[in-house]
C-alpha atoms as a PDB file:
ATOM      1  CA  UNK A   1      93.394-121.548-105.292  1.00  0.00           C
ATOM      2  CA  UNK A   2      92.246-122.370-101.774  1.00  0.00           C
ATOM      3  CA  UNK A   3      92.634-126.041-100.909  1.00  0.00           C
ATOM      4  CA  UNK A   4      90.419-127.435 -98.180  1.00  0.00           C
ATOM      5  CA  UNK A   5      90.177-130.862 -96.660  1.00  0.00           C
ATOM      6  CA  UNK A   6      87.196-132.929 -97.737  1.00  0.00           C
ATOM      7  CA  UNK A   7      85.678-132.424 -94.279  1.00  0.00           C
ATOM      8  CA  UNK A   8      86.131-128.636 -94.474  1.00  0.00           C
ATOM      9  CA  UNK A   9      84.528-128.497 -97.906  1.00  0.00           C
ATOM     10  CA  UNK A  10      81.569-130.620 -96.814  1.00  0.00           C
ATOM     11  CA  UNK A  11      81.256-128.354 -93.779  1.00  0.00           C
ATOM     12  CA  UNK A  12      81.257-125.285 -96.042  1.00  0.00           C
ATOM     13  CA  UNK A  13      78.423-126.752 -98.118  1.00  0.00           C
ATOM     14  CA  UNK A  14      76.404-127.501 -94.961  1.00  0.00           C
ATOM     15  CA  UNK A  15      77.089-124.022 -93.617  1.00  0.00           C
ATOM     16  CA  UNK A  16      76.006-122.349 -96.888  1.00  0.00           C
ATOM     17  CA  UNK A  17      72.782-124.348 -96.793  1.00  0.00           C
ATOM     18  CA  UNK A  18      72.214-123.505 -93.111  1.00  0.00           C
ATOM     19  CA  UNK A  19      72.346-119.748 -93.788  1.00  0.00           C
ATOM     20  CA  UNK A  20      69.774-119.998 -96.565  1.00  0.00           C
ATOM     21  CA  UNK A  21      71.982-120.106 -99.649  1.00  0.00           C
ATOM     22  CA  UNK A  22      70.308-121.321-102.826  1.00  0.00           C
ATOM     23  CA  UNK A  23      71.912-124.129-104.839  1.00  0.00           C
ATOM     24  CA  UNK A  24      72.098-123.665-108.629  1.00  0.00           C
ATOM     25  CA  UNK A  25      73.230-126.003-111.392  1.00  0.00           C
ATOM     26  CA  UNK A  26      75.082-124.952-114.528  1.00  0.00           C
ATOM     27  CA  UNK A  27      75.289-127.250-117.520  1.00  0.00           C
ATOM     28  CA  UNK A  28      78.055-125.685-119.617  1.00  0.00           C
ATOM     29  CA  UNK A  29      80.380-126.046-117.853  1.00  0.00           C
ATOM     30  CA  UNK A  30      78.715-128.542-115.548  1.00  0.00           C
ATOM     31  CA  UNK A  31      78.923-127.613-111.849  1.00  0.00           C
ATOM     32  CA  UNK A  32      76.844-126.513-108.863  1.00  0.00           C
ATOM     33  CA  UNK A  33      77.106-123.174-107.091  1.00  0.00           C
ATOM     34  CA  UNK A  34      75.369-121.229-104.334  1.00  0.00           C
ATOM     35  CA  UNK A  35      73.909-117.759-104.171  1.00  0.00           C
ATOM     36  CA  UNK A  36      74.845-116.746-100.625  1.00  0.00           C
ATOM     37  CA  UNK A  37      72.769-114.208 -98.671  1.00  0.00           C
ATOM     38  CA  UNK A  38      75.026-111.183 -98.437  1.00  0.00           C
ATOM     39  CA  UNK A  39      73.454-109.844 -95.262  1.00  0.00           C
ATOM     40  CA  UNK A  40      74.670-112.776 -93.180  1.00  0.00           C
ATOM     41  CA  UNK A  41      76.812-111.600 -90.236  1.00  0.00           C
ATOM     42  CA  UNK A  42      79.595-113.974 -91.373  1.00  0.00           C
ATOM     43  CA  UNK A  43      80.083-111.720 -94.396  1.00  0.00           C
ATOM     44  CA  UNK A  44      80.135-108.433 -92.469  1.00  0.00           C
ATOM     45  CA  UNK A  45      83.759-107.730 -93.378  1.00  0.00           C
ATOM     46  CA  UNK A  46      83.465-108.870 -97.001  1.00  0.00           C
ATOM     47  CA  UNK A  47      83.125-106.413 -99.870  1.00  0.00           C
ATOM     48  CA  UNK A  48      79.540-105.534-100.872  1.00  0.00           C
ATOM     49  CA  UNK A  49      79.641-108.001-103.764  1.00  0.00           C
ATOM     50  CA  UNK A  50      81.719-111.139-103.427  1.00  0.00           C
ATOM     51  CA  UNK A  51      82.368-114.582-104.843  1.00  0.00           C
ATOM     52  CA  UNK A  52      84.532-117.424-103.600  1.00  0.00           C
ATOM     53  CA  UNK A  53      85.567-120.954-104.425  1.00  0.00           C
ATOM     54  CA  UNK A  54      87.197-123.764-102.494  1.00  0.00           C
ATOM     55  CA  UNK A  55      88.374-127.157-103.683  1.00  0.00           C
ATOM     56  CA  UNK A  56      89.079-130.408-101.832  1.00  0.00           C
ATOM     57  CA  UNK A  57      90.892-133.582-102.898  1.00  0.00           C
ATOM     58  CA  UNK A  58      87.802-135.780-103.382  1.00  0.00           C
ATOM     59  CA  UNK A  59      84.805-133.734-102.153  1.00  0.00           C
ATOM     60  CA  UNK A  60      84.878-131.476-105.216  1.00  0.00           C
ATOM     61  CA  UNK A  61      84.458-127.745-105.263  1.00  0.00           C
ATOM     62  CA  UNK A  62      82.243-125.156-103.590  1.00  0.00           C
ATOM     63  CA  UNK A  63      81.443-121.951-105.447  1.00  0.00           C
ATOM     64  CA  UNK A  64      79.367-119.145-103.939  1.00  0.00           C
ATOM     65  CA  UNK A  65      78.288-115.729-105.195  1.00  0.00           C
ATOM     66  CA  UNK A  66      76.794-112.963-103.077  1.00  0.00           C
ATOM     67  CA  UNK A  67      73.134-112.072-103.466  1.00  0.00           C
ATOM     68  CA  UNK A  68      74.321-108.449-103.718  1.00  0.00           C
ATOM     69  CA  UNK A  69      75.453-109.327-107.244  1.00  0.00           C
ATOM     70  CA  UNK A  70      72.528-108.665-109.597  1.00  0.00           C
ATOM     71  CA  UNK A  71      70.719-111.959-110.152  1.00  0.00           C
ATOM     72  CA  UNK A  72      71.128-111.937-113.936  1.00  0.00           C
ATOM     73  CA  UNK A  73      74.932-111.718-113.535  1.00  0.00           C
ATOM     74  CA  UNK A  74      75.569-114.238-110.748  1.00  0.00           C
ATOM     75  CA  UNK A  75      76.041-117.267-112.971  1.00  0.00           C
ATOM     76  CA  UNK A  76      78.896-115.584-114.853  1.00  0.00           C
ATOM     77  CA  UNK A  77      80.662-114.783-111.597  1.00  0.00           C
ATOM     78  CA  UNK A  78      80.167-118.406-110.535  1.00  0.00           C
ATOM     79  CA  UNK A  79      81.586-119.629-113.854  1.00  0.00           C
ATOM     80  CA  UNK A  80      84.628-117.408-113.281  1.00  0.00           C
ATOM     81  CA  UNK A  81      85.236-118.975-109.862  1.00  0.00           C
ATOM     82  CA  UNK A  82      84.721-122.476-111.230  1.00  0.00           C
ATOM     83  CA  UNK A  83      87.092-122.018-114.168  1.00  0.00           C
ATOM     84  CA  UNK A  84      89.754-120.236-112.144  1.00  0.00           C
ATOM     85  CA  UNK A  85      89.936-122.905-109.449  1.00  0.00           C
ATOM     86  CA  UNK A  86      91.455-125.537-111.756  1.00  0.00           C
ATOM     87  CA  UNK A  87      94.169-123.282-113.156  1.00  0.00           C
ATOM     88  CA  UNK A  88      97.666-123.257-111.678  1.00  0.00           C
ATOM     89  CA  UNK A  89      98.811-120.067-109.991  1.00  0.00           C
ATOM     90  CA  UNK A  90     100.377-117.542-112.370  1.00  0.00           C
ATOM     91  CA  UNK A  91     100.418-113.746-112.661  1.00  0.00           C
ATOM     92  CA  UNK A  92      97.593-113.468-115.202  1.00  0.00           C
ATOM     93  CA  UNK A  93      95.306-116.191-113.857  1.00  0.00           C
ATOM     94  CA  UNK A  94      92.471-113.922-112.719  1.00  0.00           C
ATOM     95  CA  UNK A  95      92.424-111.656-115.776  1.00  0.00           C
ATOM     96  CA  UNK A  96      92.681-114.601-118.167  1.00  0.00           C
ATOM     97  CA  UNK A  97      89.689-116.221-116.472  1.00  0.00           C
ATOM     98  CA  UNK A  98      87.892-112.878-116.528  1.00  0.00           C
ATOM     99  CA  UNK A  99      88.336-112.742-120.310  1.00  0.00           C
ATOM    100  CA  UNK A 100      86.796-116.231-120.582  1.00  0.00           C
ATOM    101  CA  UNK A 101      83.908-115.073-118.381  1.00  0.00           C
ATOM    102  CA  UNK A 102      83.297-111.915-120.425  1.00  0.00           C
ATOM    103  CA  UNK A 103      83.190-113.985-123.630  1.00  0.00           C
ATOM    104  CA  UNK A 104      80.190-115.857-122.174  1.00  0.00           C
ATOM    105  CA  UNK A 105      78.172-112.754-121.298  1.00  0.00           C
ATOM    106  CA  UNK A 106      75.474-112.062-123.922  1.00  0.00           C
ATOM    107  CA  UNK A 107      76.142-108.845-125.825  1.00  0.00           C
ATOM    108  CA  UNK A 108      72.634-107.624-125.043  1.00  0.00           C
ATOM    109  CA  UNK A 109      73.522-107.286-121.323  1.00  0.00           C
ATOM    110  CA  UNK A 110      77.183-106.310-121.703  1.00  0.00           C
ATOM    111  CA  UNK A 111      76.574-102.563-121.204  1.00  0.00           C
ATOM    112  CA  UNK A 112      74.976-103.315-117.817  1.00  0.00           C
ATOM    113  CA  UNK A 113      77.371-106.108-116.867  1.00  0.00           C
ATOM    114  CA  UNK A 114      80.712-104.375-117.357  1.00  0.00           C
ATOM    115  CA  UNK A 115      80.141-101.466-114.912  1.00  0.00           C
ATOM    116  CA  UNK A 116      79.035-103.863-112.164  1.00  0.00           C
ATOM    117  CA  UNK A 117      82.016-106.156-112.692  1.00  0.00           C
ATOM    118  CA  UNK A 118      84.378-103.161-112.888  1.00  0.00           C
ATOM    119  CA  UNK A 119      82.962-101.819-109.611  1.00  0.00           C
ATOM    120  CA  UNK A 120      83.526-105.213-108.030  1.00  0.00           C
ATOM    121  CA  UNK A 121      87.194-105.382-109.024  1.00  0.00           C
ATOM    122  CA  UNK A 122      87.842-101.793-107.898  1.00  0.00           C
ATOM    123  CA  UNK A 123      86.375-102.685-104.515  1.00  0.00           C
ATOM    124  CA  UNK A 124      88.197-106.018-104.384  1.00  0.00           C
ATOM    125  CA  UNK A 125      91.588-104.387-104.897  1.00  0.00           C
ATOM    126  CA  UNK A 126      90.910-101.883-102.101  1.00  0.00           C
ATOM    127  CA  UNK A 127      89.598-104.628 -99.809  1.00  0.00           C
ATOM    128  CA  UNK A 128      92.515-106.985-100.552  1.00  0.00           C
ATOM    129  CA  UNK A 129      94.996-104.217 -99.765  1.00  0.00           C
ATOM    130  CA  UNK A 130      93.318-103.580 -96.407  1.00  0.00           C
ATOM    131  CA  UNK A 131      93.398-107.141 -95.017  1.00  0.00           C
ATOM    132  CA  UNK A 132      96.193-109.607 -94.368  1.00  0.00           C
ATOM    133  CA  UNK A 133      94.495-112.515 -96.163  1.00  0.00           C
ATOM    134  CA  UNK A 134      95.957-111.739 -99.597  1.00  0.00           C
ATOM    135  CA  UNK A 135      99.538-111.877-100.797  1.00  0.00           C
ATOM    136  CA  UNK A 136     100.960-108.966-102.791  1.00  0.00           C
ATOM    137  CA  UNK A 137     100.956-111.281-105.832  1.00  0.00           C
ATOM    138  CA  UNK A 138      97.219-111.938-105.429  1.00  0.00           C
ATOM    139  CA  UNK A 139      96.517-108.210-105.085  1.00  0.00           C
ATOM    140  CA  UNK A 140      98.449-107.673-108.340  1.00  0.00           C
ATOM    141  CA  UNK A 141      96.249-110.293-110.028  1.00  0.00           C
ATOM    142  CA  UNK A 142      93.144-108.476-108.831  1.00  0.00           C
ATOM    143  CA  UNK A 143      94.611-105.160-110.032  1.00  0.00           C
ATOM    144  CA  UNK A 144      95.174-106.598-113.530  1.00  0.00           C
ATOM    145  CA  UNK A 145      91.510-107.615-113.623  1.00  0.00           C
ATOM    146  CA  UNK A 146      90.469-104.191-112.314  1.00  0.00           C
ATOM    147  CA  UNK A 147      92.500-102.466-115.018  1.00  0.00           C
ATOM    148  CA  UNK A 148      91.039-104.746-117.691  1.00  0.00           C
ATOM    149  CA  UNK A 149      87.489-104.011-116.526  1.00  0.00           C
ATOM    150  CA  UNK A 150      88.178-100.266-116.253  1.00  0.00           C
ATOM    151  CA  UNK A 151      89.325-100.313-119.893  1.00  0.00           C
ATOM    152  CA  UNK A 152      86.244-102.259-120.987  1.00  0.00           C
ATOM    153  CA  UNK A 153      84.052 -99.830-119.090  1.00  0.00           C
ATOM    154  CA  UNK A 154      85.762 -96.851-120.722  1.00  0.00           C
ATOM    155  CA  UNK A 155      85.446 -98.478-124.165  1.00  0.00           C
ATOM    156  CA  UNK A 156      81.709 -98.868-123.534  1.00  0.00           C
ATOM    157  CA  UNK A 157      81.452 -95.167-122.686  1.00  0.00           C
ATOM    158  CA  UNK A 158      81.652 -95.457-118.918  1.00  0.00           C
ATOM    159  CA  UNK A 159      83.346 -93.198-116.400  1.00  0.00           C
ATOM    160  CA  UNK A 160      86.751 -94.850-116.088  1.00  0.00           C
END
């Protein structure tokens, strides 16, 4: 969980809007999120597909998902970020939230969804290992999610 001051969070919202992000509203659960243009120079060092969330004491939460994520899948990634933000830190936080996310994905798109999400977590683990922004514990959380998605992908007849 990344805590921001109210001013920082409000600034993040303004910044997302200034770079052309689109605001979306979910109803179940109820929250707003942004699709952020992935080709913005600010994201040059980020993995191809990304999502992030920040929370502040009274200004709420900001959730953003990269436009490199296929449009039909973005809301599920946003839901993941939203749900994960309110959980306390523990070793299985990411994978537990991932399981909640997967349960929301319609079965008709699951065969397309799982490979994309698995690719994301494989890339996230490599990225997180290459930068100083993540603790070893956080990298382990990402790796648990990667392993979970690799297994789902294999069970669906994928490569891994």
